[in-house]
Amino acid sequence: MTFAQPRRVDFPSSARSPRLAILRPDNDLLRLLDADHTKARSYSQACRDWPEVKSHLAILLAPADQQDDEGGREPPERIWGLGIVRPAHETDRDRKVVVTRARRLRDLVPFSGLWCVGGERDGALARSLPKSGPVTADADTVFANLRRIAADVDAEVQRLLPLLDDGEGSSHRELRWRDERDALLLFARMAGLDPKDFAPVRDWDRTAARAGFLSGLTGTPVQPMLDDVRGRAADRFSDVGETVTRAFVSRGGRQSYDFEVTSITDRWVVDGGEGSLDAYYYHVDTRTLVVLRYLCPGPNELLSSDVRHSLDDFLGRVHRLPRPAQRSADDYGLLNDPLFLRVHEQVPFTAALHRTSPGAIYPYGQIAAAVSAAAVHGLPRLSTDMLTRHMVPTGFAGLVRDGWFGARDVPFGVALDWVEATVETAGVALVFVDFSSRPRGNGSGIGMRTHGIA
C-alpha cells in the first residue's frame, strides 16, 4: 500500500522534526496536568529505552475509560493532548519521566491519524510506533501526520516547538548562562540575600561579554574597582578574553549584603569554543574558598572520559592551598576541601526558571573515590549509582554560609591561581567575592574578625 506523501512542514531551525514520544498517563496524572499546565509532573512509565536524554514532544493518549464506546466494540484510541516530556532516571523496571506544558485538545482526536492520511493506512508505520516511549522510526512522517490531524493540534504543536530544546534554550552558550545564573542565585543566598530581593529574571541582562548573566539584583550598585581588593580579579584577567564585573551593596532594612561578581570568559570560548564553568565563592572575613564545577551528565553516566580528563588537567594546574598550622579551639568544619561538583539534570535554559536548577552537589572527594573504585572494577564510566550521598543547593548554601564547608585562611592571590587554572582548562570562571561581615552558624563570632587579602 502506498502511503500519501506528507505536505511541506516548517520544521524547527535544526532542519529536522522534533523528538517525539508517546505517553499513556492515567486519569489522576491527566487531571493534575489539566489543572496547571505550567507545572512539571513526574511519573514512571514502562519504556526504559530513550536514546536521547532531551526534551521530546509528548503525544498523550487518553485512558480507555475516556474513549467512546462504539456499539460494544473495542473503542479506537484517541489523543488527549500534547506537552513536553523529558526522561529522568531509570529504575529497575521502568523510567521516570517529567511532563510539563501539557494541555488537552478541544476534542479527542484519533490516534490512528498518526499512520493514516486520507483514509489510507500504513501498516508498517503503525507497527513501528511504540506502545509507550520515544518514536525512533519514521519520526518525520509521524510529525507531519500529527500536524495535519486537526487545526487545534497544529496550533498546539506550534506553541510547544519553541519550548523544546531543539529551539531556544539548548545551545551550549545558553546552558552555560543557566549555570552562571544558578551559581549567582546560590552564592547570593550564602551572602545573605533573600530570594525575594532578586529582580524578575526576565529583566536580567545575559548579553554582557556575550556570556555574562550578572545583573538583576536589587540594591544600590557601587562602582567596581573601588580599591585594590575589588579590582584585582578583573585587572589580572583583563587581557585573557572578556571580563564583566558587577557590585551590589545594601545596608537598609533587614538585609545586609555587600558582594561583587566577576565573569571571566577566555577568548577561545568568546569565539565560539565550547567551554564549561567553574564558580568561585570567596568570603573575605574568613578567607573561605568554595569552588563549584558545573557538569552535565550523559544519558546514563555522570562523568565522561573527556570531563574527567579536563578535571584532571585543572587539578594538575592548581597550586596547593596553604593550610593553617592548626585550627583554633573554637574553629570547626565538616569539610575543608574547596572543590565541589554541581551536576545538573539535563534541562534546557529558560528564563522562567527563577530558582536554582534541579540537580545535586557532590564533594570532589566522593567523586575521586568513585572514579578509583570504577577503575579497580574495570568499569568504563562512573555511574550515578556509585554516588550514594549528595546535597541539594539550598542545604549546601546554608552549610557554606555557616562555615561548615570550604577551605579557610586562603589568600586571595591563591584563589586567583585557581581561577587562572579554570580559565585555561574550562574557559569560563565566575568569581563571587562576599564582603559581608557576619558570625558563623554556631555563634562563635570568628567571622567578625577581618583578615587582609594577601
Protein backbone atom coordinates (compact mmCIF):
# COMPACT_ATOMS: atom_id res chain seq x y z
CA MET A 1 0.00 0.00 0.00
CA THR A 2 1.38 3.41 -0.93
CA PHE A 3 1.37 5.97 1.86
CA ALA A 4 0.35 9.51 0.91
CA GLN A 5 3.24 11.93 0.72
CA PRO A 6 3.25 14.38 3.61
CA ARG A 7 2.81 18.03 2.90
CA ARG A 8 5.64 20.51 3.39
CA VAL A 9 6.20 21.19 7.09
CA ASP A 10 8.00 24.12 8.69
CA PHE A 11 10.40 22.25 10.92
CA PRO A 12 12.45 23.86 13.71
CA SER A 13 15.72 25.61 13.00
CA SER A 14 17.55 22.29 13.35
CA ALA A 15 16.02 21.31 9.93
CA ARG A 16 14.58 18.09 11.31
CA SER A 17 11.43 17.13 13.13
CA PRO A 18 11.48 17.37 16.90
CA ARG A 19 11.94 14.28 19.02
CA LEU A 20 8.55 12.64 19.63
CA ALA A 21 7.32 10.40 22.43
CA ILE A 22 4.05 8.58 23.10
CA LEU A 23 2.80 8.52 26.70
CA ARG A 24 -0.10 6.72 28.35
CA PRO A 25 -0.71 8.56 31.64
CA ASP A 26 -3.54 7.57 33.93
CA ASN A 27 -6.55 9.74 34.78
CA ASP A 28 -5.01 11.07 38.00
CA LEU A 29 -1.98 12.44 36.19
CA LEU A 30 -4.11 13.91 33.40
CA ARG A 31 -6.20 15.75 35.99
CA LEU A 32 -3.06 17.24 37.52
CA LEU A 33 -1.74 18.26 34.12
CA ASP A 34 -5.08 19.78 33.19
CA ALA A 35 -5.26 21.76 36.43
CA ASP A 36 -1.89 23.50 35.89
CA HIS A 37 -0.20 23.03 32.53
CA THR A 38 2.88 25.04 33.58
CA LYS A 39 3.82 22.73 36.44
CA ALA A 40 6.13 19.79 35.85
CA ARG A 41 4.77 16.37 36.86
CA SER A 42 6.77 13.16 37.09
CA TYR A 43 5.67 9.57 36.81
CA SER A 44 7.05 6.14 35.94
CA GLN A 45 6.38 4.62 32.54
CA ALA A 46 7.30 1.25 31.16
CA CYS A 47 9.73 2.10 28.34
CA ARG A 48 13.33 2.46 29.52
CA ASP A 49 14.92 2.83 26.08
CA TRP A 50 15.36 6.57 25.49
CA PRO A 51 18.25 7.13 23.07
CA GLU A 52 18.47 10.84 23.96
CA VAL A 53 18.00 12.37 27.39
CA LYS A 54 16.50 15.53 25.92
CA SER A 55 13.07 17.05 25.68
CA HIS A 56 10.51 15.34 23.42
CA LEU A 57 7.18 16.50 22.06
CA ALA A 58 4.78 14.30 24.04
CA ILE A 59 1.64 12.79 22.49
CA LEU A 60 -0.58 11.94 25.48
CA LEU A 61 -3.19 9.25 24.90
CA ALA A 62 -6.50 9.16 26.74
CA PRO A 63 -7.08 6.21 29.10
CA ALA A 64 -9.56 3.58 27.95
CA ASP A 65 -12.39 4.88 30.14
CA GLN A 66 -12.23 8.22 28.29
CA GLN A 67 -12.69 6.60 24.88
CA ASP A 68 -16.08 6.43 23.21
CA ASP A 69 -17.75 3.03 23.21
CA GLU A 70 -18.80 2.28 19.65
CA GLY A 71 -21.57 -0.33 19.95
CA GLY A 72 -19.68 -2.59 22.31
CA ARG A 73 -16.66 -2.82 20.04
CA GLU A 74 -13.24 -2.01 21.38
CA PRO A 75 -13.03 1.79 21.10
CA PRO A 76 -10.33 3.37 18.96
CA GLU A 77 -7.51 5.06 20.84
CA ARG A 78 -7.57 8.83 20.88
CA ILE A 79 -5.10 11.59 21.67
CA TRP A 80 -5.90 13.52 24.86
CA GLY A 81 -3.38 16.35 24.40
CA LEU A 82 0.19 17.42 23.80
CA GLY A 83 3.03 18.53 26.02
CA ILE A 84 6.76 18.28 26.64
CA VAL A 85 8.41 15.29 28.26
CA ARG A 86 11.99 14.59 29.24
CA PRO A 87 13.27 11.26 30.57
CA ALA A 88 14.76 11.23 34.06
CA HIS A 89 16.44 8.37 35.92
CA GLU A 90 15.93 4.68 35.34
CA THR A 91 14.58 2.31 37.97
CA ASP A 92 14.84 -1.48 37.99
CA ARG A 93 11.65 -1.87 35.95
CA ASP A 94 10.90 1.42 34.25
CA ARG A 95 11.98 5.03 33.84
CA LYS A 96 10.85 8.24 35.44
CA VAL A 97 9.73 10.92 33.03
CA VAL A 98 8.84 14.55 33.67
CA VAL A 99 5.90 16.09 31.79
CA THR A 100 5.23 19.81 31.55
CA ARG A 101 3.33 22.31 29.37
CA ALA A 102 0.70 19.63 28.70
CA ARG A 103 -2.75 20.80 27.59
CA ARG A 104 -5.79 18.84 26.49
CA LEU A 105 -7.12 19.28 22.99
CA ARG A 106 -10.60 20.72 22.43
CA ASP A 107 -11.74 17.32 21.17
CA LEU A 108 -10.21 13.87 21.41
CA VAL A 109 -8.68 13.10 18.03
CA PRO A 110 -7.98 9.60 16.67
CA PHE A 111 -4.57 8.17 17.43
CA SER A 112 -4.75 6.41 14.07
CA GLY A 113 -4.22 9.79 12.41
CA LEU A 114 -0.52 9.31 13.05
CA TRP A 115 -0.37 6.50 10.49
CA CYS A 116 -3.39 7.24 8.28
CA VAL A 117 -3.79 10.02 5.71
CA GLY A 118 -6.96 10.40 3.65
CA GLY A 119 -8.23 7.04 4.92
CA GLU A 120 -5.09 5.25 3.73
CA ARG A 121 -3.42 3.15 6.41
CA ASP A 122 0.30 2.46 6.53
CA GLY A 123 0.58 -0.79 8.46
CA ALA A 124 4.37 -0.67 8.70
CA LEU A 125 4.24 2.80 10.20
CA ALA A 126 1.56 1.74 12.69
CA ARG A 127 3.68 -1.20 13.82
CA SER A 128 6.77 0.99 14.22
CA LEU A 129 5.11 3.21 16.82
CA PRO A 130 5.98 2.31 20.42
CA LYS A 131 3.40 1.31 22.97
CA SER A 132 4.99 3.94 25.20
CA GLY A 133 8.24 5.85 24.86
CA PRO A 134 10.18 7.70 22.15
CA VAL A 135 9.32 7.45 18.46
CA THR A 136 12.55 6.16 16.93
CA ALA A 137 11.38 5.24 13.39
CA ASP A 138 9.70 7.41 10.72
CA ALA A 139 9.54 10.36 13.10
CA ASP A 140 9.35 12.91 10.25
CA THR A 141 6.26 11.24 8.80
CA VAL A 142 4.61 10.85 12.21
CA PHE A 143 5.26 14.52 12.94
CA ALA A 144 3.78 15.62 9.62
CA ASN A 145 0.70 13.46 10.19
CA LEU A 146 0.30 14.81 13.71
CA ARG A 147 0.16 18.40 12.46
CA ARG A 148 -2.47 17.66 9.83
CA ILE A 149 -4.85 15.78 12.17
CA ALA A 150 -6.69 18.97 13.18
CA ALA A 151 -6.17 22.72 13.22
CA ASP A 152 -6.01 22.93 17.02
CA VAL A 153 -3.43 20.11 17.07
CA ASP A 154 -1.22 22.07 14.69
CA ALA A 155 -1.69 25.19 16.85
CA GLU A 156 -0.56 23.25 19.93
CA VAL A 157 2.48 21.94 18.06
CA GLN A 158 3.42 25.48 17.06
CA ARG A 159 3.07 26.59 20.70
CA LEU A 160 5.33 23.85 22.00
CA LEU A 161 8.10 23.88 19.40
CA PRO A 162 9.89 26.97 20.80
CA LEU A 163 9.92 25.34 24.23
CA LEU A 164 11.72 22.23 23.06
CA ASP A 165 15.49 22.15 23.32
CA ASP A 166 15.68 21.97 19.52
CA GLY A 167 14.99 25.69 19.69
CA GLU A 168 15.95 28.45 22.12
CA GLY A 169 17.41 27.26 25.36
CA SER A 170 19.59 24.34 24.30
CA SER A 171 22.70 25.88 22.81
CA HIS A 172 25.96 25.41 24.65
CA ARG A 173 26.13 29.11 25.46
CA GLU A 174 22.57 29.19 26.81
CA LEU A 175 23.20 26.22 29.05
CA ARG A 176 26.30 27.98 30.37
CA TRP A 177 24.11 31.02 31.11
CA ARG A 178 21.89 28.67 33.09
CA ASP A 179 24.89 27.53 35.13
CA GLU A 180 26.07 31.10 35.71
CA ARG A 181 22.58 32.17 36.79
CA ASP A 182 22.38 29.15 39.08
CA ALA A 183 25.71 29.99 40.74
CA LEU A 184 24.71 33.63 41.20
CA LEU A 185 21.45 32.64 42.90
CA LEU A 186 23.22 30.11 45.10
CA PHE A 187 26.08 32.38 46.18
CA ALA A 188 23.80 35.37 46.77
CA ARG A 189 21.89 33.17 49.22
CA MET A 190 25.19 32.49 51.01
CA ALA A 191 25.88 36.22 51.16
CA GLY A 192 22.57 36.92 52.90
CA LEU A 193 20.11 37.76 50.15
CA ASP A 194 16.56 36.62 50.45
CA PRO A 195 15.20 35.20 47.17
CA LYS A 196 12.54 37.93 47.22
CA ASP A 197 15.31 40.51 46.84
CA PHE A 198 16.07 39.30 43.32
CA ALA A 199 14.57 41.27 40.48
CA PRO A 200 12.48 39.25 37.99
CA VAL A 201 14.74 37.05 35.91
CA ARG A 202 13.19 38.36 32.71
CA ASP A 203 14.88 41.71 33.45
CA TRP A 204 18.33 40.22 33.84
CA ASP A 205 20.93 41.04 31.22
CA ARG A 206 22.61 37.95 29.79
CA THR A 207 24.38 39.66 26.91
CA ALA A 208 27.37 41.27 28.61
CA ALA A 209 30.64 39.87 27.27
CA ARG A 210 28.46 37.65 25.08
CA ALA A 211 28.32 35.28 28.07
CA GLY A 212 27.55 37.13 31.31
CA PHE A 213 24.34 36.74 33.27
CA LEU A 214 25.18 39.03 36.13
CA SER A 215 22.70 41.86 36.63
CA GLY A 216 19.27 41.74 38.17
CA LEU A 217 19.76 42.13 41.92
CA THR A 218 18.05 44.84 43.91
CA GLY A 219 20.18 47.18 45.97
CA THR A 220 22.42 50.10 45.10
CA PRO A 221 25.13 49.23 42.57
CA VAL A 222 28.53 50.56 43.58
CA GLN A 223 31.35 51.31 41.22
CA PRO A 224 33.62 48.33 40.62
CA MET A 225 37.34 48.86 41.05
CA LEU A 226 36.74 50.86 44.25
CA ASP A 227 40.03 49.66 45.66
CA ASP A 228 42.75 47.12 45.07
CA VAL A 229 40.73 44.32 46.63
CA ARG A 230 37.70 44.76 44.41
CA GLY A 231 39.71 45.28 41.26
CA ARG A 232 42.32 42.54 41.41
CA ALA A 233 40.39 39.75 39.70
CA ALA A 234 39.24 41.95 36.83
CA ASP A 235 42.66 43.55 36.43
CA ARG A 236 44.51 40.25 36.45
CA PHE A 237 42.38 38.69 33.71
CA SER A 238 41.56 41.77 31.64
CA ASP A 239 43.71 40.62 28.70
CA VAL A 240 42.65 36.95 28.76
CA GLY A 241 39.33 37.33 26.99
CA GLU A 242 36.31 39.27 28.17
CA THR A 243 35.66 40.31 31.76
CA VAL A 244 32.47 41.70 33.30
CA THR A 245 32.22 42.99 36.87
CA ARG A 246 29.10 43.89 38.88
CA ALA A 247 28.95 45.01 42.50
CA PHE A 248 25.92 45.06 44.81
CA VAL A 249 25.60 46.52 48.31
CA SER A 250 22.72 47.13 50.69
CA ARG A 251 22.67 48.43 54.24
CA GLY A 252 18.94 49.07 54.55
CA GLY A 253 16.10 47.10 56.03
CA ARG A 254 16.51 43.60 57.39
CA GLN A 255 19.06 42.57 54.75
CA SER A 256 22.73 43.46 54.74
CA TYR A 257 24.93 42.32 51.91
CA ASP A 258 27.97 43.50 50.03
CA PHE A 259 29.42 41.45 47.23
CA GLU A 260 30.99 41.65 43.82
CA VAL A 261 30.70 39.25 40.90
CA THR A 262 33.22 38.97 38.07
CA SER A 263 32.75 36.80 34.99
CA ILE A 264 35.90 35.89 33.06
CA THR A 265 35.48 34.26 29.64
CA ASP A 266 38.53 33.08 27.74
CA ARG A 267 38.93 34.31 24.16
CA TRP A 268 38.54 30.85 22.61
CA VAL A 269 35.12 30.50 24.29
CA VAL A 270 34.08 34.00 23.23
CA ASP A 271 34.97 33.00 19.67
CA GLY A 272 32.62 30.02 19.80
CA GLY A 273 34.52 27.25 21.59
CA GLU A 274 32.60 25.01 23.97
CA GLY A 275 33.75 25.90 27.46
CA SER A 276 32.37 24.97 30.85
CA LEU A 277 32.01 26.94 34.08
CA ASP A 278 33.73 26.95 37.45
CA ALA A 279 32.03 29.20 40.01
CA TYR A 280 34.10 30.62 42.90
CA TYR A 281 32.72 31.85 46.21
CA TYR A 282 35.22 33.76 48.38
CA HIS A 283 34.28 35.17 51.81
CA VAL A 284 36.70 37.96 52.72
CA ASP A 285 36.37 37.94 56.52
CA THR A 286 37.24 34.26 56.90
CA ARG A 287 39.17 33.94 53.62
CA THR A 288 36.94 30.96 52.82
CA LEU A 289 37.05 29.49 49.30
CA VAL A 290 34.42 27.23 47.73
CA VAL A 291 34.53 26.15 44.07
CA LEU A 292 31.67 24.60 42.10
CA ARG A 293 32.47 22.89 38.82
CA TYR A 294 29.32 22.66 36.69
CA LEU A 295 28.82 19.38 34.86
CA CYS A 296 26.09 17.95 32.67
CA PRO A 297 25.73 14.16 32.84
CA GLY A 298 25.41 11.86 29.90
CA PRO A 299 22.25 9.79 29.40
CA ASN A 300 23.27 7.05 31.84
CA GLU A 301 26.54 8.24 33.30
CA LEU A 302 27.90 11.05 35.40
CA LEU A 303 31.35 11.76 34.03
CA SER A 304 32.52 11.09 30.50
CA SER A 305 36.20 10.46 29.90
CA ASP A 306 36.58 13.96 28.39
CA VAL A 307 35.11 15.56 31.51
CA ARG A 308 37.40 13.54 33.76
CA HIS A 309 40.46 14.46 31.69
CA SER A 310 39.51 18.15 31.85
CA LEU A 311 39.11 17.92 35.61
CA ASP A 312 42.44 16.13 35.96
CA ASP A 313 44.07 18.85 33.84
CA PHE A 314 42.56 21.53 36.09
CA LEU A 315 43.71 19.82 39.29
CA GLY A 316 47.19 19.40 37.85
CA ARG A 317 47.48 23.17 37.40
CA VAL A 318 46.12 24.22 40.77
CA HIS A 319 48.60 25.44 43.35
CA ARG A 320 48.48 23.70 46.69
CA LEU A 321 46.33 25.63 49.12
CA PRO A 322 48.17 26.76 52.23
CA ARG A 323 46.77 25.14 55.35
CA PRO A 324 46.90 26.77 58.77
CA ALA A 325 49.34 25.10 61.16
CA GLN A 326 46.45 24.24 63.47
CA ARG A 327 42.92 25.39 63.93
CA SER A 328 41.95 27.40 66.95
CA ALA A 329 39.92 25.70 69.67
CA ASP A 330 36.70 27.41 68.60
CA ASP A 331 37.14 26.68 64.88
CA TYR A 332 35.16 23.92 63.26
CA GLY A 333 34.14 22.47 59.92
CA LEU A 334 32.88 19.34 58.24
CA LEU A 335 34.86 19.62 55.02
CA ASN A 336 37.98 21.65 54.34
CA ASP A 337 38.22 20.85 50.61
CA PRO A 338 37.08 23.77 48.42
CA LEU A 339 36.11 21.75 45.31
CA PHE A 340 32.56 20.50 44.69
CA LEU A 341 30.89 19.22 41.54
CA ARG A 342 27.47 20.64 40.62
CA VAL A 343 25.69 18.07 38.43
CA HIS A 344 22.59 19.30 36.66
CA GLU A 345 19.64 17.41 35.38
CA GLN A 346 19.52 17.84 31.62
CA VAL A 347 17.03 20.65 31.18
CA PRO A 348 17.25 23.47 28.62
CA PHE A 349 17.75 27.05 29.73
CA THR A 350 14.61 29.09 30.23
CA ALA A 351 14.23 32.48 31.87
CA ALA A 352 11.08 31.20 33.59
CA LEU A 353 13.27 29.20 35.99
CA HIS A 354 13.98 31.83 38.62
CA ARG A 355 15.23 29.33 41.20
CA THR A 356 18.36 27.23 41.24
CA SER A 357 18.24 24.44 38.67
CA PRO A 358 17.46 20.82 39.62
CA GLY A 359 20.44 18.63 40.31
CA ALA A 360 22.89 17.64 43.02
CA ILE A 361 26.17 18.80 44.60
CA TYR A 362 28.92 16.29 45.38
CA PRO A 363 32.19 16.83 47.28
CA TYR A 364 35.09 16.16 44.95
CA GLY A 365 36.49 13.56 47.36
CA GLN A 366 33.43 11.38 46.82
CA ILE A 367 33.82 11.66 43.04
CA ALA A 368 37.51 10.80 43.21
CA ALA A 369 36.82 7.74 45.37
CA ALA A 370 34.08 6.57 42.98
CA VAL A 371 36.38 7.02 39.96
CA SER A 372 39.06 4.94 41.67
CA ALA A 373 36.53 2.23 42.53
CA ALA A 374 35.29 2.18 38.94
CA ALA A 375 38.86 1.76 37.67
CA VAL A 376 39.51 -1.11 40.09
CA HIS A 377 36.44 -2.94 38.83
CA GLY A 378 37.28 -2.21 35.19
CA LEU A 379 34.17 -0.09 34.62
CA PRO A 380 34.30 2.17 31.52
CA ARG A 381 32.46 5.05 33.18
CA LEU A 382 31.29 6.41 36.51
CA SER A 383 27.63 5.67 37.21
CA THR A 384 25.47 7.87 39.42
CA ASP A 385 24.55 4.68 41.29
CA MET A 386 28.04 4.75 42.79
CA LEU A 387 27.40 8.14 44.37
CA THR A 388 25.30 7.45 47.41
CA ARG A 389 25.18 10.88 49.04
CA HIS A 390 24.68 14.36 47.65
CA MET A 391 23.46 17.79 48.72
CA VAL A 392 20.61 19.90 47.43
CA PRO A 393 21.55 23.51 46.58
CA THR A 394 19.65 25.17 49.43
CA GLY A 395 21.18 22.89 52.06
CA PHE A 396 24.64 23.35 50.55
CA ALA A 397 24.26 27.15 50.68
CA GLY A 398 23.39 27.02 54.37
CA LEU A 399 26.35 24.80 55.22
CA VAL A 400 28.76 27.13 53.42
CA ARG A 401 27.18 30.22 54.96
CA ASP A 402 27.51 28.75 58.46
CA GLY A 403 31.14 27.83 57.91
CA TRP A 404 30.86 24.05 57.73
CA PHE A 405 32.18 23.74 54.17
CA GLY A 406 35.09 25.39 52.38
CA ALA A 407 38.84 25.87 52.74
CA ARG A 408 39.56 28.75 55.14
CA ASP A 409 42.53 31.09 55.52
CA VAL A 410 43.13 31.00 51.76
CA PRO A 411 44.93 34.13 50.49
CA PHE A 412 43.04 35.83 47.69
CA GLY A 413 46.07 35.53 45.43
CA VAL A 414 45.97 31.74 45.79
CA ALA A 415 42.27 31.77 44.96
CA LEU A 416 43.10 33.70 41.77
CA ASP A 417 45.65 31.00 40.90
CA TRP A 418 42.75 28.53 40.92
CA VAL A 419 40.73 30.92 38.76
CA GLU A 420 43.59 31.09 36.26
CA ALA A 421 43.66 27.29 36.08
CA THR A 422 39.91 27.32 35.38
CA VAL A 423 40.20 29.84 32.56
CA GLU A 424 42.99 27.79 30.98
CA THR A 425 41.19 24.45 31.19
CA ALA A 426 37.43 25.14 31.35
CA GLY A 427 37.15 28.54 29.67
CA VAL A 428 34.73 30.41 31.97
CA ALA A 429 35.05 31.43 35.63
CA LEU A 430 32.51 33.24 37.80
CA VAL A 431 34.15 34.86 40.84
CA PHE A 432 31.83 35.89 43.66
CA VAL A 433 33.54 37.89 46.44
CA ASP A 434 31.47 38.30 49.62
CA PHE A 435 32.50 41.31 51.72
CA SER A 436 29.74 40.84 54.32
CA SER A 437 30.77 40.53 57.97
CA ARG A 438 28.71 38.08 59.97
CA PRO A 439 29.12 35.48 62.70
CA ARG A 440 29.01 31.89 61.58
CA GLY A 441 26.31 29.40 62.45
CA ASN A 442 27.34 28.38 65.97
CA GLY A 443 27.65 32.00 67.10
CA SER A 444 31.41 31.72 67.67
CA GLY A 445 31.94 35.13 66.10
CA ILE A 446 35.00 34.01 64.15
CA GLY A 447 33.53 35.58 61.05
CA MET A 448 33.58 39.01 62.70
CA ARG A 449 37.33 39.39 62.67
CA THR A 450 38.71 40.94 59.50
CA HIS A 451 41.56 39.43 57.52
CA GLY A 452 43.59 41.26 54.94
CA ILE A 453 43.66 39.78 51.46
CA ALA A 454 47.16 38.59 50.67
